[in-house]
Amino acid sequence: MKGILFVILGFCIFNVLCSQEDFPIDNTIGTNQILKVDKVFPTIIVYNIPTTTILRRGEMKLYLAHRMGMLGTGIDGSFGLYQANSRIGADIGLHKKLTIGLGTTSQQKIYDGNLKYQLTKQTSKFPFESAVYLSINFSNTKFNVPDEQQFLWQRITYYNQIMFSRLINKYISMQLLLSYIHKNMVLTKRDKNDIFAIGTILNIQLNSMYYFATEYMFMPQKFILSSNVQSHIISTGIQIHTGPRHVFQIFLSNSVGILPHTVLTETTSSFVPKNIRISFNIPTTFNLF
């Protein structure tokens, strides 16, 4: 209930802020035309969750993501250093509104493909940016269930997200999102194949090099009953822009997952000091064509 109230509050704040007119614009457009915001978010993914930002046509972004173990493992576990989950992926801008991506994750040996399509741009006449994100994820690890034979289609999960974002002023941007997950196979009959979640992202530019960002996702526990899945998933940290095409994101999170559907459906630890994981992403962008 607290998670729903938190996100509803976010929607209310978002609605109020959408009435503001003070936001940075792309001044390359003539003054007699509608003025557009260049980018609401500086990156296509904050930490775990995609943003409405897309790559320009011909741009390619390589992503290296790493999630360590819990700090509560203590010195015997090097505070989580030896327990890791990693992903490497690449995203390409094929069109001014379309970005596609591929990747693989060590956790469950997942292979993923995704596309993001930008629906609207924030302008001087339109208050927010919107986009849809669709992904298909295949696990190469068999589920631990009594069935001896498992088919390929059973280990496929679909993740879909619609998002609305706004550059509130020169320093602050915010995103609200609704997620839908479909699992072809679940562990028990008590678990749901169709899962819904809501969330929000806050991004604050501290100076030309440093950004503070926080993600919050809420998933009602009624969808997964076979394990102690958390309803509240939090990631918060700093993004360091070391150059025009290089970013280092370091953050704290209670999720070991990297892909959105694993972040939402497989987080079993609450956001308390002993359960926190040190995580980082290293996205690098260059021109492919």
Protein backbone atom coordinates (compact mmCIF):
# COMPACT_ATOMS: atom_id res chain seq x y z
CA MET A 1 0.00 0.00 0.00
CA LYS A 2 2.85 2.39 0.83
CA GLY A 3 4.40 1.72 -2.56
CA ILE A 4 1.17 2.60 -4.38
CA LEU A 5 0.81 5.81 -2.36
CA PHE A 6 4.44 6.72 -3.11
CA VAL A 7 3.96 6.36 -6.85
CA ILE A 8 0.60 8.15 -6.78
CA LEU A 9 2.35 11.04 -5.02
CA GLY A 10 4.94 10.97 -7.78
CA PHE A 11 2.21 11.20 -10.41
CA CYS A 12 0.68 14.18 -8.60
CA ILE A 13 4.02 15.98 -8.45
CA PHE A 14 4.63 15.12 -12.09
CA ASN A 15 1.24 16.58 -13.04
CA VAL A 16 1.97 19.83 -11.20
CA LEU A 17 5.43 20.16 -12.67
CA CYS A 18 4.11 19.55 -16.17
CA SER A 19 2.42 22.96 -15.96
CA GLN A 20 5.81 24.69 -15.78
CA GLU A 21 7.27 26.29 -18.90
CA ASP A 22 10.90 26.70 -17.84
CA PHE A 23 12.96 23.95 -19.45
CA PRO A 24 16.10 23.88 -21.56
CA ILE A 25 15.48 23.57 -25.30
CA ASP A 26 17.27 22.74 -28.48
CA ASN A 27 17.99 26.25 -29.76
CA THR A 28 19.05 25.01 -33.18
CA ILE A 29 15.41 25.20 -34.23
CA GLY A 30 14.11 28.47 -35.57
CA THR A 31 12.29 30.76 -33.18
CA ASN A 32 9.13 30.61 -35.28
CA GLN A 33 8.88 26.85 -34.83
CA ILE A 34 7.93 24.65 -31.90
CA LEU A 35 10.98 24.32 -29.61
CA LYS A 36 12.02 20.78 -28.63
CA VAL A 37 13.89 19.36 -25.65
CA ASP A 38 17.02 17.59 -26.91
CA LYS A 39 17.25 14.92 -24.16
CA VAL A 40 15.14 14.48 -21.04
CA PHE A 41 17.65 12.00 -19.58
CA PRO A 42 21.38 11.92 -20.41
CA THR A 43 21.37 8.10 -20.78
CA ILE A 44 19.04 5.49 -22.29
CA ILE A 45 19.09 3.52 -19.00
CA VAL A 46 19.53 5.06 -15.56
CA TYR A 47 20.57 1.97 -13.58
CA ASN A 48 18.16 -0.90 -14.31
CA ILE A 49 15.16 0.76 -15.94
CA PRO A 50 15.06 2.19 -19.50
CA THR A 51 14.31 5.90 -19.97
CA THR A 52 12.45 7.63 -22.79
CA THR A 53 15.79 8.79 -24.24
CA ILE A 54 16.83 7.03 -27.46
CA LEU A 55 20.06 6.92 -29.41
CA ARG A 56 20.54 9.10 -32.46
CA ARG A 57 20.53 7.30 -35.79
CA GLY A 58 23.88 5.58 -36.30
CA GLU A 59 24.91 5.70 -32.64
CA MET A 60 25.89 2.50 -30.84
CA LYS A 61 26.12 2.11 -27.08
CA LEU A 62 28.05 -0.73 -25.47
CA TYR A 63 26.91 -1.60 -21.93
CA LEU A 64 28.85 -3.45 -19.25
CA ALA A 65 26.79 -3.97 -16.09
CA HIS A 66 27.94 -5.57 -12.84
CA ARG A 67 26.09 -6.38 -9.61
CA MET A 68 28.03 -7.51 -6.55
CA GLY A 69 26.79 -9.57 -3.61
CA MET A 70 25.35 -8.28 -0.36
CA LEU A 71 27.49 -6.14 1.93
CA GLY A 72 26.19 -8.27 4.82
CA THR A 73 28.41 -11.19 3.76
CA GLY A 74 31.16 -9.41 5.70
CA ILE A 75 34.88 -9.86 5.38
CA ASP A 76 34.52 -13.61 4.72
CA GLY A 77 32.68 -12.80 1.49
CA SER A 78 34.73 -9.67 0.78
CA PHE A 79 31.51 -7.70 1.30
CA GLY A 80 29.93 -9.22 -1.80
CA LEU A 81 32.91 -8.88 -4.12
CA TYR A 82 33.03 -12.59 -4.97
CA GLN A 83 29.30 -12.93 -5.68
CA ALA A 84 28.56 -11.19 -8.92
CA ASN A 85 26.07 -10.94 -11.77
CA SER A 86 27.17 -9.33 -15.03
CA ARG A 87 25.69 -8.33 -18.38
CA ILE A 88 27.20 -7.15 -21.63
CA GLY A 89 25.01 -5.63 -24.29
CA ALA A 90 24.82 -3.27 -27.24
CA ASP A 91 22.15 -0.80 -28.37
CA ILE A 92 21.93 0.82 -31.81
CA GLY A 93 19.94 3.82 -33.01
CA LEU A 94 18.29 2.74 -36.27
CA HIS A 95 15.93 5.70 -36.64
CA LYS A 96 15.35 9.04 -34.99
CA LYS A 97 12.61 7.37 -32.94
CA LEU A 98 13.82 3.75 -32.71
CA THR A 99 16.59 2.05 -30.73
CA ILE A 100 17.17 -1.73 -30.62
CA GLY A 101 19.44 -3.78 -28.37
CA LEU A 102 20.86 -7.22 -27.63
CA GLY A 103 22.62 -8.61 -24.59
CA THR A 104 23.49 -11.57 -22.41
CA THR A 105 23.49 -11.89 -18.61
CA SER A 106 25.39 -14.36 -16.45
CA GLN A 107 22.45 -14.80 -14.07
CA GLN A 108 20.45 -17.77 -15.45
CA LYS A 109 22.42 -17.39 -18.72
CA ILE A 110 19.79 -15.02 -20.12
CA TYR A 111 19.84 -13.76 -23.71
CA ASP A 112 17.73 -10.67 -24.36
CA GLY A 113 16.59 -8.57 -27.27
CA ASN A 114 14.74 -5.28 -27.00
CA LEU A 115 13.43 -2.28 -28.87
CA LYS A 116 12.42 1.18 -27.73
CA TYR A 117 10.19 3.48 -29.75
CA GLN A 118 9.74 7.13 -28.84
CA LEU A 119 6.11 8.20 -29.15
CA THR A 120 6.29 11.92 -28.33
CA LYS A 121 8.91 14.59 -27.66
CA GLN A 122 8.70 17.26 -24.99
CA THR A 123 8.35 20.65 -26.62
CA SER A 124 7.29 24.18 -25.79
CA LYS A 125 3.76 23.08 -26.73
CA PHE A 126 3.76 19.51 -25.36
CA PRO A 127 4.58 18.88 -21.67
CA PHE A 128 6.25 15.45 -21.65
CA GLU A 129 8.17 12.81 -23.57
CA SER A 130 6.84 9.26 -23.93
CA ALA A 131 8.11 5.94 -25.23
CA VAL A 132 7.42 2.21 -25.23
CA TYR A 133 9.98 -0.48 -24.47
CA LEU A 134 9.52 -4.12 -25.49
CA SER A 135 11.88 -7.00 -24.73
CA ILE A 136 12.03 -10.76 -25.07
CA ASN A 137 14.25 -12.76 -22.71
CA PHE A 138 15.32 -16.39 -22.99
CA SER A 139 16.96 -18.28 -20.13
CA ASN A 140 19.37 -21.05 -21.07
CA THR A 141 19.10 -22.49 -17.56
CA LYS A 142 16.38 -25.05 -16.92
CA PHE A 143 13.90 -24.35 -14.15
CA ASN A 144 14.08 -26.43 -10.99
CA VAL A 145 10.70 -28.09 -11.41
CA PRO A 146 9.62 -31.77 -11.41
CA ASP A 147 9.03 -31.84 -15.19
CA GLU A 148 11.89 -33.71 -16.79
CA GLN A 149 11.31 -32.21 -20.22
CA GLN A 150 11.33 -28.44 -20.66
CA PHE A 151 10.74 -26.68 -23.94
CA LEU A 152 12.38 -23.52 -25.24
CA TRP A 153 9.16 -21.51 -25.20
CA GLN A 154 8.66 -22.25 -21.49
CA ARG A 155 11.79 -20.30 -20.54
CA ILE A 156 10.81 -17.13 -22.40
CA THR A 157 9.75 -13.98 -20.53
CA TYR A 158 8.36 -10.82 -22.11
CA TYR A 159 8.85 -7.40 -20.55
CA ASN A 160 6.88 -4.37 -21.76
CA GLN A 161 7.03 -0.82 -20.45
CA ILE A 162 5.30 2.45 -21.25
CA MET A 163 6.93 5.55 -19.80
CA PHE A 164 6.33 9.28 -19.51
CA SER A 165 9.12 11.68 -18.65
CA ARG A 166 9.67 15.42 -18.30
CA LEU A 167 12.66 17.69 -18.08
CA ILE A 168 11.33 19.86 -15.29
CA ASN A 169 14.07 22.47 -15.43
CA LYS A 170 17.74 22.69 -16.38
CA TYR A 171 18.78 20.29 -13.62
CA ILE A 172 15.89 17.95 -12.80
CA SER A 173 14.14 15.28 -14.86
CA MET A 174 11.55 12.72 -13.80
CA GLN A 175 9.95 9.62 -15.29
CA LEU A 176 6.85 7.61 -14.44
CA LEU A 177 6.30 4.15 -15.87
CA LEU A 178 4.00 1.16 -16.02
CA SER A 179 5.45 -2.31 -16.59
CA TYR A 180 3.84 -5.55 -17.77
CA ILE A 181 5.63 -8.89 -17.55
CA HIS A 182 4.49 -12.19 -19.02
CA LYS A 183 6.22 -15.43 -17.99
CA ASN A 184 5.44 -18.43 -20.18
CA MET A 185 6.07 -20.72 -17.21
CA VAL A 186 6.03 -20.02 -13.47
CA LEU A 187 7.31 -22.17 -10.59
CA THR A 188 3.97 -22.96 -8.92
CA LYS A 189 0.26 -22.66 -9.60
CA ARG A 190 0.06 -19.90 -7.00
CA ASP A 191 2.24 -17.62 -9.11
CA LYS A 192 0.82 -15.46 -11.87
CA ASN A 193 2.00 -15.54 -15.47
CA ASP A 194 1.00 -11.89 -15.93
CA ILE A 195 2.57 -9.31 -13.64
CA PHE A 196 2.12 -5.54 -13.40
CA ALA A 197 4.37 -3.00 -11.70
CA ILE A 198 4.72 0.78 -11.47
CA GLY A 199 7.71 2.98 -10.83
CA THR A 200 9.43 6.33 -10.98
CA ILE A 201 12.90 7.71 -11.75
CA LEU A 202 14.38 10.98 -10.48
CA ASN A 203 17.52 12.44 -12.07
CA ILE A 204 19.31 15.56 -10.75
CA GLN A 205 22.26 17.21 -12.45
CA LEU A 206 24.74 18.35 -9.78
CA ASN A 207 27.23 19.91 -12.21
CA SER A 208 28.53 19.29 -15.72
CA MET A 209 30.10 15.99 -14.66
CA TYR A 210 28.00 14.50 -11.84
CA TYR A 211 24.34 13.41 -11.74
CA PHE A 212 22.39 11.98 -8.80
CA ALA A 213 19.66 9.49 -9.72
CA THR A 214 17.19 7.23 -7.94
CA GLU A 215 14.93 4.46 -9.24
CA TYR A 216 11.94 3.11 -7.35
CA MET A 217 9.79 0.19 -8.51
CA PHE A 218 6.73 -1.28 -6.83
CA MET A 219 5.26 -4.71 -7.58
CA PRO A 220 2.35 -6.07 -5.50
CA GLN A 221 3.29 -9.34 -3.77
CA LYS A 222 0.10 -11.06 -4.92
CA PHE A 223 1.70 -11.92 -8.27
CA ILE A 224 4.47 -14.18 -6.86
CA LEU A 225 3.71 -16.27 -3.78
CA SER A 226 6.20 -19.15 -4.07
CA SER A 227 9.15 -17.01 -2.89
CA ASN A 228 9.74 -14.01 -0.67
CA VAL A 229 9.85 -11.47 -3.50
CA GLN A 230 10.06 -7.84 -2.38
CA SER A 231 7.51 -5.27 -3.45
CA HIS A 232 9.90 -2.32 -3.12
CA ILE A 233 13.01 -2.20 -5.31
CA ILE A 234 15.29 0.82 -4.85
CA SER A 235 18.49 1.82 -6.66
CA THR A 236 20.25 5.09 -5.87
CA GLY A 237 23.64 6.48 -6.76
CA ILE A 238 25.79 8.74 -8.91
CA GLN A 239 26.39 8.98 -12.66
CA ILE A 240 29.81 10.33 -13.62
CA HIS A 241 30.13 11.72 -17.15
CA THR A 242 33.85 11.42 -17.83
CA GLY A 243 33.48 12.60 -21.41
CA PRO A 244 30.85 13.33 -24.07
CA ARG A 245 30.46 9.59 -24.78
CA HIS A 246 31.62 7.91 -21.57
CA VAL A 247 29.58 7.45 -18.38
CA PHE A 248 30.30 5.56 -15.16
CA GLN A 249 27.24 4.74 -13.05
CA ILE A 250 27.84 3.50 -9.49
CA PHE A 251 24.90 2.87 -7.19
CA LEU A 252 23.45 0.92 -4.28
CA SER A 253 20.54 -1.46 -4.79
CA ASN A 254 18.65 -4.29 -3.11
CA SER A 255 18.39 -6.13 -6.44
CA VAL A 256 20.89 -8.60 -7.88
CA GLY A 257 19.02 -8.54 -11.21
CA ILE A 258 20.10 -6.43 -14.18
CA LEU A 259 17.29 -6.90 -16.68
CA PRO A 260 14.02 -5.17 -15.68
CA HIS A 261 11.99 -8.38 -15.40
CA THR A 262 14.55 -10.00 -13.05
CA VAL A 263 14.81 -6.79 -11.01
CA LEU A 264 11.06 -6.86 -10.44
CA THR A 265 10.35 -10.57 -10.01
CA GLU A 266 13.50 -11.92 -8.35
CA THR A 267 14.45 -9.32 -5.72
CA THR A 268 14.18 -11.11 -2.37
CA SER A 269 16.05 -8.68 -0.09
CA SER A 270 14.76 -5.45 1.42
CA PHE A 271 16.68 -2.19 1.11
CA VAL A 272 18.55 -2.28 4.44
CA PRO A 273 22.34 -1.88 4.95
CA LYS A 274 23.22 -5.59 5.20
CA ASN A 275 21.27 -6.42 2.01
CA ILE A 276 22.57 -3.57 -0.15
CA ARG A 277 24.67 -4.45 -3.18
CA ILE A 278 27.30 -2.19 -4.74
CA SER A 279 26.61 -2.07 -8.48
CA PHE A 280 27.88 -0.25 -11.53
CA ASN A 281 27.26 0.25 -15.25
CA ILE A 282 29.76 1.41 -17.86
CA PRO A 283 28.01 2.61 -21.03
CA THR A 284 30.18 3.85 -23.91
CA THR A 285 28.76 5.45 -27.05
CA PHE A 286 30.31 5.80 -30.51
CA ASN A 287 29.17 6.38 -34.08
CA LEU A 288 28.60 3.16 -36.01
CA PHE A 289 27.37 4.76 -39.24
